[in-house]
Amino acid sequence: FKECPHLDEKQRLQLSRELGLAPRQIKFWFQNRRTQMKGQLERA
């Protein structure tokens, strides 16, 4: 996430194979992390 907050389809598939997670799980995790980061910045 620190390297690239927005993954493309190829990157999601590669990361899912590496971690044993479904691409959909990878997608939702990154969406939640971006929302969390945005909330932190807005609160600050």
All heavy atoms as atom14 arrays in JSON, in Angstrom:
{
  "sequence": "FKECPHLDEKQRLQLSRELGLAPRQIKFWFQNRRTQMKGQLERA",
  "atom14_mask": [
    [1, 1, 1, 1, 1, 1, 1, 1, 1, 1, 1, 0, 0, 0],
    [1, 1, 1, 1, 1, 1, 1, 1, 1, 0, 0, 0, 0, 0],
    [1, 1, 1, 1, 1, 1, 1, 1, 1, 0, 0, 0, 0, 0],
    [1, 1, 1, 1, 1, 1, 0, 0, 0, 0, 0, 0, 0, 0],
    [1, 1, 1, 1, 1, 1, 1, 0, 0, 0, 0, 0, 0, 0],
    [1, 1, 1, 1, 1, 1, 1, 1, 1, 1, 0, 0, 0, 0],
    [1, 1, 1, 1, 1, 1, 1, 1, 0, 0, 0, 0, 0, 0],
    [1, 1, 1, 1, 1, 1, 1, 1, 0, 0, 0, 0, 0, 0],
    [1, 1, 1, 1, 1, 1, 1, 1, 1, 0, 0, 0, 0, 0],
    [1, 1, 1, 1, 1, 1, 1, 1, 1, 0, 0, 0, 0, 0],
    [1, 1, 1, 1, 1, 1, 1, 1, 1, 0, 0, 0, 0, 0],
    [1, 1, 1, 1, 1, 1, 1, 1, 1, 1, 1, 0, 0, 0],
    [1, 1, 1, 1, 1, 1, 1, 1, 0, 0, 0, 0, 0, 0],
    [1, 1, 1, 1, 1, 1, 1, 1, 1, 0, 0, 0, 0, 0],
    [1, 1, 1, 1, 1, 1, 1, 1, 0, 0, 0, 0, 0, 0],
    [1, 1, 1, 1, 1, 1, 0, 0, 0, 0, 0, 0, 0, 0],
    [1, 1, 1, 1, 1, 1, 1, 1, 1, 1, 1, 0, 0, 0],
    [1, 1, 1, 1, 1, 1, 1, 1, 1, 0, 0, 0, 0, 0],
    [1, 1, 1, 1, 1, 1, 1, 1, 0, 0, 0, 0, 0, 0],
    [1, 1, 1, 1, 0, 0, 0, 0, 0, 0, 0, 0, 0, 0],
    [1, 1, 1, 1, 1, 1, 1, 1, 0, 0, 0, 0, 0, 0],
    [1, 1, 1, 1, 1, 0, 0, 0, 0, 0, 0, 0, 0, 0],
    [1, 1, 1, 1, 1, 1, 1, 0, 0, 0, 0, 0, 0, 0],
    [1, 1, 1, 1, 1, 1, 1, 1, 1, 1, 1, 0, 0, 0],
    [1, 1, 1, 1, 1, 1, 1, 1, 1, 0, 0, 0, 0, 0],
    [1, 1, 1, 1, 1, 1, 1, 1, 0, 0, 0, 0, 0, 0],
    [1, 1, 1, 1, 1, 1, 1, 1, 1, 0, 0, 0, 0, 0],
    [1, 1, 1, 1, 1, 1, 1, 1, 1, 1, 1, 0, 0, 0],
    [1, 1, 1, 1, 1, 1, 1, 1, 1, 1, 1, 1, 1, 1],
    [1, 1, 1, 1, 1, 1, 1, 1, 1, 1, 1, 0, 0, 0],
    [1, 1, 1, 1, 1, 1, 1, 1, 1, 0, 0, 0, 0, 0],
    [1, 1, 1, 1, 1, 1, 1, 1, 0, 0, 0, 0, 0, 0],
    [1, 1, 1, 1, 1, 1, 1, 1, 1, 1, 1, 0, 0, 0],
    [1, 1, 1, 1, 1, 1, 1, 1, 1, 1, 1, 0, 0, 0],
    [1, 1, 1, 1, 1, 1, 1, 0, 0, 0, 0, 0, 0, 0],
    [1, 1, 1, 1, 1, 1, 1, 1, 1, 0, 0, 0, 0, 0],
    [1, 1, 1, 1, 1, 1, 1, 1, 0, 0, 0, 0, 0, 0],
    [1, 1, 1, 1, 1, 1, 1, 1, 1, 0, 0, 0, 0, 0],
    [1, 1, 1, 1, 0, 0, 0, 0, 0, 0, 0, 0, 0, 0],
    [1, 1, 1, 1, 1, 1, 1, 1, 1, 0, 0, 0, 0, 0],
    [1, 1, 1, 1, 1, 1, 1, 1, 0, 0, 0, 0, 0, 0],
    [1, 1, 1, 1, 1, 1, 1, 1, 1, 0, 0, 0, 0, 0],
    [1, 1, 1, 1, 1, 1, 1, 1, 1, 1, 1, 0, 0, 0],
    [1, 1, 1, 1, 1, 0, 0, 0, 0, 0, 0, 0, 0, 0]
  ],
  "atom14_positions": [
    [[0.83, -1.21, 0.0], [0.0, 0.0, 0.0], [0.86, 1.26, 0.0], [0.53, 2.25, -0.66], [-0.92, -0.01, 1.22], [-1.84, 1.18, 1.29], [-3.02, 1.23, 0.55], [-1.51, 2.27, 2.08], [-3.84, 2.33, 0.61], [-2.34, 3.38, 2.15], [-3.52, 3.41, 1.41], [0.0, 0.0, 0.0], [0.0, 0.0, 0.0], [0.0, 0.0, 0.0]],
    [[1.96, 1.22, 0.75], [2.84, 2.4, 0.79], [3.49, 2.66, -0.56], [3.74, 3.79, -0.94], [3.92, 2.23, 1.86], [3.38, 2.22, 3.28], [4.52, 2.18, 4.27], [4.0, 2.09, 5.7], [3.57, 0.74, 6.05], [0.0, 0.0, 0.0], [0.0, 0.0, 0.0], [0.0, 0.0, 0.0], [0.0, 0.0, 0.0], [0.0, 0.0, 0.0]],
    [[3.75, 1.57, -1.3], [4.35, 1.72, -2.62], [3.32, 2.16, -3.65], [3.6, 3.02, -4.49], [4.98, 0.39, -3.06], [6.17, -0.04, -2.24], [7.36, 0.87, -2.45], [7.46, 1.45, -3.54], [8.17, 1.01, -1.52], [0.0, 0.0, 0.0], [0.0, 0.0, 0.0], [0.0, 0.0, 0.0], [0.0, 0.0, 0.0], [0.0, 0.0, 0.0]],
    [[2.12, 1.58, -3.59], [1.1, 1.88, -4.61], [-0.29, 1.68, -4.0], [-0.76, 0.55, -3.86], [1.29, 0.96, -5.82], [0.1, 1.27, -7.15], [0.0, 0.0, 0.0], [0.0, 0.0, 0.0], [0.0, 0.0, 0.0], [0.0, 0.0, 0.0], [0.0, 0.0, 0.0], [0.0, 0.0, 0.0], [0.0, 0.0, 0.0], [0.0, 0.0, 0.0]],
    [[-0.96, 2.78, -3.62], [-2.28, 2.65, -2.99], [-3.36, 2.14, -3.94], [-4.4, 1.67, -3.48], [-2.59, 4.08, -2.52], [-1.28, 4.79, -2.54], [-0.48, 4.15, -3.61], [0.0, 0.0, 0.0], [0.0, 0.0, 0.0], [0.0, 0.0, 0.0], [0.0, 0.0, 0.0], [0.0, 0.0, 0.0], [0.0, 0.0, 0.0], [0.0, 0.0, 0.0]],
    [[-3.16, 2.26, -5.25], [-4.17, 1.84, -6.23], [-3.57, 0.73, -7.1], [-2.7, 1.0, -7.94], [-4.6, 3.02, -7.1], [-5.26, 4.12, -6.32], [-6.61, 4.16, -6.06], [-4.72, 5.23, -5.74], [-6.89, 5.25, -5.36], [-5.77, 5.91, -5.15], [0.0, 0.0, 0.0], [0.0, 0.0, 0.0], [0.0, 0.0, 0.0], [0.0, 0.0, 0.0]],
    [[-4.01, -0.49, -6.89], [-3.48, -1.62, -7.64], [-4.32, -1.86, -8.89], [-5.55, -1.68, -8.88], [-3.5, -2.89, -6.79], [-2.65, -2.89, -5.52], [-2.72, -4.26, -4.85], [-1.21, -2.52, -5.82], [0.0, 0.0, 0.0], [0.0, 0.0, 0.0], [0.0, 0.0, 0.0], [0.0, 0.0, 0.0], [0.0, 0.0, 0.0], [0.0, 0.0, 0.0]],
    [[-3.65, -2.29, -9.96], [-4.4, -2.72, -11.13], [-4.71, -4.22, -11.01], [-4.33, -4.88, -10.04], [-3.62, -2.42, -12.41], [-2.23, -3.05, -12.41], [-2.05, -4.08, -11.74], [-1.34, -2.51, -13.09], [0.0, 0.0, 0.0], [0.0, 0.0, 0.0], [0.0, 0.0, 0.0], [0.0, 0.0, 0.0], [0.0, 0.0, 0.0], [0.0, 0.0, 0.0]],
    [[-5.43, -4.76, -12.0], [-5.88, -6.15, -11.93], [-4.7, -7.12, -11.86], [-4.72, -8.1, -11.1], [-6.75, -6.47, -13.15], [-7.43, -7.83, -13.1], [-8.45, -7.93, -11.96], [-9.0, -6.88, -11.56], [-8.68, -9.05, -11.48], [0.0, 0.0, 0.0], [0.0, 0.0, 0.0], [0.0, 0.0, 0.0], [0.0, 0.0, 0.0], [0.0, 0.0, 0.0]],
    [[-3.66, -6.84, -12.62], [-2.5, -7.72, -12.64], [-1.8, -7.75, -11.29], [-1.41, -8.81, -10.79], [-1.53, -7.26, -13.73], [-0.28, -8.12, -13.85], [0.62, -7.59, -14.96], [1.89, -8.43, -15.05], [2.8, -7.91, -16.11], [0.0, 0.0, 0.0], [0.0, 0.0, 0.0], [0.0, 0.0, 0.0], [0.0, 0.0, 0.0], [0.0, 0.0, 0.0]],
    [[-1.68, -6.58, -10.67], [-1.02, -6.52, -9.36], [-1.85, -7.22, -8.29], [-1.31, -7.87, -7.39], [-0.78, -5.05, -8.98], [0.27, -4.36, -9.84], [0.34, -2.87, -9.58], [-0.69, -2.21, -9.46], [1.54, -2.34, -9.51], [0.0, 0.0, 0.0], [0.0, 0.0, 0.0], [0.0, 0.0, 0.0], [0.0, 0.0, 0.0], [0.0, 0.0, 0.0]],
    [[-3.2, -7.08, -8.37], [-4.05, -7.76, -7.39], [-3.92, -9.28, -7.49], [-3.85, -9.99, -6.48], [-5.51, -7.34, -7.58], [-5.84, -6.0, -6.94], [-7.34, -5.83, -6.76], [-8.05, -5.8, -8.04], [-8.31, -4.69, -8.72], [-7.91, -3.51, -8.24], [-8.96, -4.73, -9.87], [0.0, 0.0, 0.0], [0.0, 0.0, 0.0], [0.0, 0.0, 0.0]],
    [[-3.9, -9.79, -8.73], [-3.77, -11.23, -8.92], [-2.44, -11.75, -8.4], [-2.36, -12.8, -7.76], [-3.92, -11.57, -10.41], [-5.33, -11.41, -11.01], [-5.29, -11.63, -12.51], [-6.3, -12.39, -10.35], [0.0, 0.0, 0.0], [0.0, 0.0, 0.0], [0.0, 0.0, 0.0], [0.0, 0.0, 0.0], [0.0, 0.0, 0.0], [0.0, 0.0, 0.0]],
    [[-1.39, -10.99, -8.67], [-0.07, -11.41, -8.19], [-0.01, -11.42, -6.67], [0.53, -12.35, -6.05], [1.01, -10.47, -8.75], [2.42, -10.85, -8.33], [3.46, -9.9, -8.92], [3.12, -9.02, -9.7], [4.7, -10.09, -8.55], [0.0, 0.0, 0.0], [0.0, 0.0, 0.0], [0.0, 0.0, 0.0], [0.0, 0.0, 0.0], [0.0, 0.0, 0.0]],
    [[-0.59, -10.39, -6.04], [-0.57, -10.31, -4.58], [-1.46, -11.39, -3.96], [-1.14, -11.94, -2.89], [-1.03, -8.91, -4.14], [-0.84, -8.56, -2.67], [0.63, -8.68, -2.27], [-1.32, -7.13, -2.4], [0.0, 0.0, 0.0], [0.0, 0.0, 0.0], [0.0, 0.0, 0.0], [0.0, 0.0, 0.0], [0.0, 0.0, 0.0], [0.0, 0.0, 0.0]],
    [[-2.57, -11.7, -4.62], [-3.46, -12.74, -4.08], [-2.78, -14.11, -4.1], [-2.93, -14.9, -3.17], [-4.77, -12.77, -4.88], [-4.54, -13.25, -6.2], [0.0, 0.0, 0.0], [0.0, 0.0, 0.0], [0.0, 0.0, 0.0], [0.0, 0.0, 0.0], [0.0, 0.0, 0.0], [0.0, 0.0, 0.0], [0.0, 0.0, 0.0], [0.0, 0.0, 0.0]],
    [[-2.05, -14.39, -5.15], [-1.32, -15.66, -5.21], [-0.23, -15.71, -4.14], [0.01, -16.76, -3.54], [-0.7, -15.84, -6.6], [-1.72, -16.19, -7.68], [-1.02, -16.66, -8.94], [-0.2, -15.61, -9.54], [-0.62, -14.77, -10.47], [-1.87, -14.85, -10.92], [0.19, -13.85, -10.97], [0.0, 0.0, 0.0], [0.0, 0.0, 0.0], [0.0, 0.0, 0.0]],
    [[0.4, -14.58, -3.9], [1.49, -14.54, -2.92], [0.98, -14.74, -1.49], [1.61, -15.41, -0.68], [2.22, -13.19, -3.02], [3.35, -13.02, -2.0], [4.0, -11.66, -2.1], [3.76, -10.96, -3.12], [4.71, -11.28, -1.16], [0.0, 0.0, 0.0], [0.0, 0.0, 0.0], [0.0, 0.0, 0.0], [0.0, 0.0, 0.0], [0.0, 0.0, 0.0]],
    [[-0.2, -14.17, -1.17], [-0.7, -14.2, 0.19], [-1.78, -15.25, 0.41], [-2.26, -15.41, 1.54], [-1.25, -12.81, 0.57], [-0.25, -11.65, 0.52], [-0.92, -10.34, 0.91], [0.93, -11.92, 1.45], [0.0, 0.0, 0.0], [0.0, 0.0, 0.0], [0.0, 0.0, 0.0], [0.0, 0.0, 0.0], [0.0, 0.0, 0.0], [0.0, 0.0, 0.0]],
    [[-2.24, -15.91, -0.64], [-3.28, -16.9, -0.49], [-4.65, -16.3, -0.22], [-5.48, -16.9, 0.46], [0.0, 0.0, 0.0], [0.0, 0.0, 0.0], [0.0, 0.0, 0.0], [0.0, 0.0, 0.0], [0.0, 0.0, 0.0], [0.0, 0.0, 0.0], [0.0, 0.0, 0.0], [0.0, 0.0, 0.0], [0.0, 0.0, 0.0], [0.0, 0.0, 0.0]],
    [[-4.88, -15.09, -0.73], [-6.16, -14.42, -0.57], [-6.84, -14.27, -1.93], [-6.16, -14.27, -2.97], [-5.97, -13.03, 0.06], [-5.36, -12.99, 1.47], [-5.09, -11.55, 1.88], [-6.29, -13.65, 2.48], [0.0, 0.0, 0.0], [0.0, 0.0, 0.0], [0.0, 0.0, 0.0], [0.0, 0.0, 0.0], [0.0, 0.0, 0.0], [0.0, 0.0, 0.0]],
    [[-8.15, -14.12, -1.9], [-8.88, -13.9, -3.14], [-8.64, -12.48, -3.64], [-8.46, -11.56, -2.84], [-10.38, -14.14, -2.91], [0.0, 0.0, 0.0], [0.0, 0.0, 0.0], [0.0, 0.0, 0.0], [0.0, 0.0, 0.0], [0.0, 0.0, 0.0], [0.0, 0.0, 0.0], [0.0, 0.0, 0.0], [0.0, 0.0, 0.0], [0.0, 0.0, 0.0]],
    [[-8.62, -12.27, -4.96], [-8.45, -10.91, -5.49], [-9.5, -9.94, -4.95], [-9.21, -8.76, -4.74], [-8.58, -11.1, -7.0], [-8.2, -12.52, -7.24], [-8.67, -13.28, -6.04], [0.0, 0.0, 0.0], [0.0, 0.0, 0.0], [0.0, 0.0, 0.0], [0.0, 0.0, 0.0], [0.0, 0.0, 0.0], [0.0, 0.0, 0.0], [0.0, 0.0, 0.0]],
    [[-10.71, -10.47, -4.7], [-11.77, -9.61, -4.16], [-11.41, -9.14, -2.75], [-11.67, -7.99, -2.38], [-13.08, -10.4, -4.15], [-14.31, -9.59, -3.74], [-15.55, -10.48, -3.78], [-16.76, -9.76, -3.41], [-17.48, -9.03, -4.25], [-17.11, -8.95, -5.51], [-18.58, -8.43, -3.84], [0.0, 0.0, 0.0], [0.0, 0.0, 0.0], [0.0, 0.0, 0.0]],
    [[-10.79, -10.02, -1.96], [-10.35, -9.63, -0.62], [-9.26, -8.55, -0.7], [-9.25, -7.61, 0.09], [-9.82, -10.85, 0.13], [-10.89, -11.86, 0.53], [-10.29, -13.07, 1.2], [-9.55, -13.83, 0.55], [-10.59, -13.26, 2.47], [0.0, 0.0, 0.0], [0.0, 0.0, 0.0], [0.0, 0.0, 0.0], [0.0, 0.0, 0.0], [0.0, 0.0, 0.0]],
    [[-8.35, -8.73, -1.64], [-7.3, -7.72, -1.83], [-7.92, -6.38, -2.19], [-7.56, -5.32, -1.65], [-6.32, -8.16, -2.94], [-5.66, -9.49, -2.57], [-5.27, -7.09, -3.2], [-4.7, -9.43, -1.44], [0.0, 0.0, 0.0], [0.0, 0.0, 0.0], [0.0, 0.0, 0.0], [0.0, 0.0, 0.0], [0.0, 0.0, 0.0], [0.0, 0.0, 0.0]],
    [[-8.87, -6.4, -3.09], [-9.53, -5.16, -3.54], [-10.21, -4.45, -2.38], [-10.05, -3.24, -2.19], [-10.53, -5.49, -4.64], [-11.31, -4.29, -5.16], [-12.29, -4.71, -6.24], [-13.1, -3.52, -6.74], [-14.07, -3.93, -7.79], [0.0, 0.0, 0.0], [0.0, 0.0, 0.0], [0.0, 0.0, 0.0], [0.0, 0.0, 0.0], [0.0, 0.0, 0.0]],
    [[-10.99, -5.22, -1.58], [-11.71, -4.6, -0.46], [-10.75, -4.08, 0.6], [-10.99, -3.04, 1.22], [-12.69, -5.61, 0.15], [-13.89, -5.87, -0.72], [-14.63, -7.04, -0.6], [-14.28, -4.95, -1.69], [-15.73, -7.28, -1.39], [-15.38, -5.18, -2.5], [-16.1, -6.35, -2.36], [0.0, 0.0, 0.0], [0.0, 0.0, 0.0], [0.0, 0.0, 0.0]],
    [[-9.65, -4.83, 0.84], [-8.7, -4.36, 1.85], [-8.1, -3.01, 1.45], [-7.98, -2.12, 2.28], [-7.59, -5.39, 2.04], [-6.69, -5.07, 3.22], [-6.8, -5.51, 4.49], [-5.54, -4.2, 3.19], [-5.82, -4.99, 5.28], [-5.03, -4.16, 4.51], [-4.91, -3.43, 2.23], [-3.91, -3.42, 4.86], [-3.8, -2.67, 2.57], [-3.31, -2.67, 3.88]],
    [[-7.73, -2.86, 0.18], [-7.14, -1.6, -0.28], [-8.18, -0.48, -0.24], [-7.84, 0.67, 0.08], [-6.56, -1.77, -1.69], [-5.14, -2.21, -1.7], [-4.79, -3.53, -1.45], [-4.12, -1.32, -1.94], [-3.48, -3.93, -1.43], [-2.79, -1.7, -1.94], [-2.47, -3.02, -1.68], [0.0, 0.0, 0.0], [0.0, 0.0, 0.0], [0.0, 0.0, 0.0]],
    [[-9.45, -0.78, -0.57], [-10.48, 0.25, -0.48], [-10.65, 0.71, 0.97], [-10.73, 1.92, 1.25], [-11.81, -0.31, -1.0], [-11.86, -0.48, -2.51], [-13.17, -1.08, -2.98], [-13.97, -1.56, -2.17], [-13.39, -1.08, -4.3], [0.0, 0.0, 0.0], [0.0, 0.0, 0.0], [0.0, 0.0, 0.0], [0.0, 0.0, 0.0], [0.0, 0.0, 0.0]],
    [[-10.7, -0.23, 1.89], [-10.85, 0.14, 3.3], [-9.64, 0.91, 3.81], [-9.77, 1.86, 4.6], [-11.04, -1.13, 4.15], [-12.34, -1.83, 3.85], [-13.29, -1.21, 3.36], [-12.4, -3.14, 4.11], [0.0, 0.0, 0.0], [0.0, 0.0, 0.0], [0.0, 0.0, 0.0], [0.0, 0.0, 0.0], [0.0, 0.0, 0.0], [0.0, 0.0, 0.0]],
    [[-8.45, 0.52, 3.36], [-7.22, 1.21, 3.82], [-7.18, 2.64, 3.3], [-6.77, 3.55, 4.02], [-5.97, 0.45, 3.34], [-4.68, 0.96, 3.95], [-4.64, 0.69, 5.44], [-3.42, 1.19, 6.04], [-3.26, 2.43, 6.49], [-4.26, 3.3, 6.42], [-2.13, 2.81, 7.02], [0.0, 0.0, 0.0], [0.0, 0.0, 0.0], [0.0, 0.0, 0.0]],
    [[-7.61, 2.85, 2.05], [-7.65, 4.21, 1.51], [-8.67, 5.06, 2.26], [-8.44, 6.23, 2.54], [-7.97, 4.18, 0.01], [-6.84, 3.66, -0.85], [-7.07, 3.98, -2.32], [-8.26, 3.31, -2.84], [-8.24, 2.11, -3.42], [-7.1, 1.44, -3.54], [-9.35, 1.58, -3.88], [0.0, 0.0, 0.0], [0.0, 0.0, 0.0], [0.0, 0.0, 0.0]],
    [[-9.81, 4.46, 2.58], [-10.83, 5.19, 3.35], [-10.3, 5.55, 4.73], [-10.51, 6.66, 5.23], [-12.09, 4.33, 3.48], [-12.56, 3.99, 2.17], [-13.18, 5.09, 4.22], [0.0, 0.0, 0.0], [0.0, 0.0, 0.0], [0.0, 0.0, 0.0], [0.0, 0.0, 0.0], [0.0, 0.0, 0.0], [0.0, 0.0, 0.0], [0.0, 0.0, 0.0]],
    [[-9.59, 4.6, 5.34], [-9.01, 4.87, 6.66], [-7.99, 5.99, 6.6], [-7.96, 6.87, 7.46], [-8.37, 3.59, 7.19], [-7.77, 3.74, 8.59], [-7.01, 2.48, 9.01], [-6.73, 1.62, 8.21], [-6.69, 2.4, 10.28], [0.0, 0.0, 0.0], [0.0, 0.0, 0.0], [0.0, 0.0, 0.0], [0.0, 0.0, 0.0], [0.0, 0.0, 0.0]],
    [[-7.13, 5.97, 5.58], [-6.12, 7.02, 5.43], [-6.76, 8.38, 5.22], [-6.35, 9.39, 5.8], [-5.2, 6.68, 4.26], [-4.15, 7.74, 3.95], [-2.92, 7.9, 5.26], [-1.96, 6.42, 4.95], [0.0, 0.0, 0.0], [0.0, 0.0, 0.0], [0.0, 0.0, 0.0], [0.0, 0.0, 0.0], [0.0, 0.0, 0.0], [0.0, 0.0, 0.0]],
    [[-7.8, 8.4, 4.4], [-8.51, 9.66, 4.15], [-9.12, 10.19, 5.44], [-9.06, 11.39, 5.72], [-9.59, 9.45, 3.09], [-10.36, 10.71, 2.73], [-11.39, 10.43, 1.66], [-12.18, 11.7, 1.32], [-13.22, 11.44, 0.3], [0.0, 0.0, 0.0], [0.0, 0.0, 0.0], [0.0, 0.0, 0.0], [0.0, 0.0, 0.0], [0.0, 0.0, 0.0]],
    [[-9.7, 9.29, 6.23], [-10.28, 9.72, 7.49], [-9.25, 10.26, 8.45], [-9.47, 11.27, 9.15], [0.0, 0.0, 0.0], [0.0, 0.0, 0.0], [0.0, 0.0, 0.0], [0.0, 0.0, 0.0], [0.0, 0.0, 0.0], [0.0, 0.0, 0.0], [0.0, 0.0, 0.0], [0.0, 0.0, 0.0], [0.0, 0.0, 0.0], [0.0, 0.0, 0.0]],
    [[-8.06, 9.63, 8.49], [-6.99, 10.11, 9.36], [-6.55, 11.52, 8.95], [-6.34, 12.39, 9.8], [-5.8, 9.15, 9.3], [-6.06, 7.82, 9.99], [-4.89, 6.85, 9.78], [-4.09, 7.02, 8.86], [-4.82, 5.84, 10.63], [0.0, 0.0, 0.0], [0.0, 0.0, 0.0], [0.0, 0.0, 0.0], [0.0, 0.0, 0.0], [0.0, 0.0, 0.0]],
    [[-6.39, 11.71, 7.65], [-5.98, 13.03, 7.17], [-7.04, 14.08, 7.47], [-6.72, 15.2, 7.89], [-5.7, 12.97, 5.67], [-4.44, 12.2, 5.24], [-4.37, 12.1, 3.73], [-3.19, 12.88, 5.77], [0.0, 0.0, 0.0], [0.0, 0.0, 0.0], [0.0, 0.0, 0.0], [0.0, 0.0, 0.0], [0.0, 0.0, 0.0], [0.0, 0.0, 0.0]],
    [[-8.31, 13.73, 7.26], [-9.37, 14.7, 7.52], [-9.45, 15.06, 9.0], [-9.62, 16.23, 9.36], [-10.7, 14.15, 7.04], [-10.83, 14.09, 5.52], [-12.15, 13.48, 5.08], [-12.87, 12.93, 5.94], [-12.45, 13.55, 3.86], [0.0, 0.0, 0.0], [0.0, 0.0, 0.0], [0.0, 0.0, 0.0], [0.0, 0.0, 0.0], [0.0, 0.0, 0.0]],
    [[-9.29, 14.04, 9.89], [-9.31, 14.34, 11.31], [-8.14, 15.21, 11.72], [-8.28, 16.14, 12.53], [-9.32, 13.03, 12.11], [-10.65, 12.29, 12.08], [-10.68, 11.18, 13.11], [-9.71, 10.13, 12.81], [-9.95, 9.09, 12.03], [-11.14, 8.96, 11.46], [-9.03, 8.17, 11.81], [0.0, 0.0, 0.0], [0.0, 0.0, 0.0], [0.0, 0.0, 0.0]],
    [[-6.96, 14.91, 11.14], [-5.8, 15.74, 11.45], [-5.99, 17.17, 10.94], [-5.66, 18.14, 11.62], [-4.54, 15.13, 10.84], [0.0, 0.0, 0.0], [0.0, 0.0, 0.0], [0.0, 0.0, 0.0], [0.0, 0.0, 0.0], [0.0, 0.0, 0.0], [0.0, 0.0, 0.0], [0.0, 0.0, 0.0], [0.0, 0.0, 0.0], [0.0, 0.0, 0.0]]
  ]
}
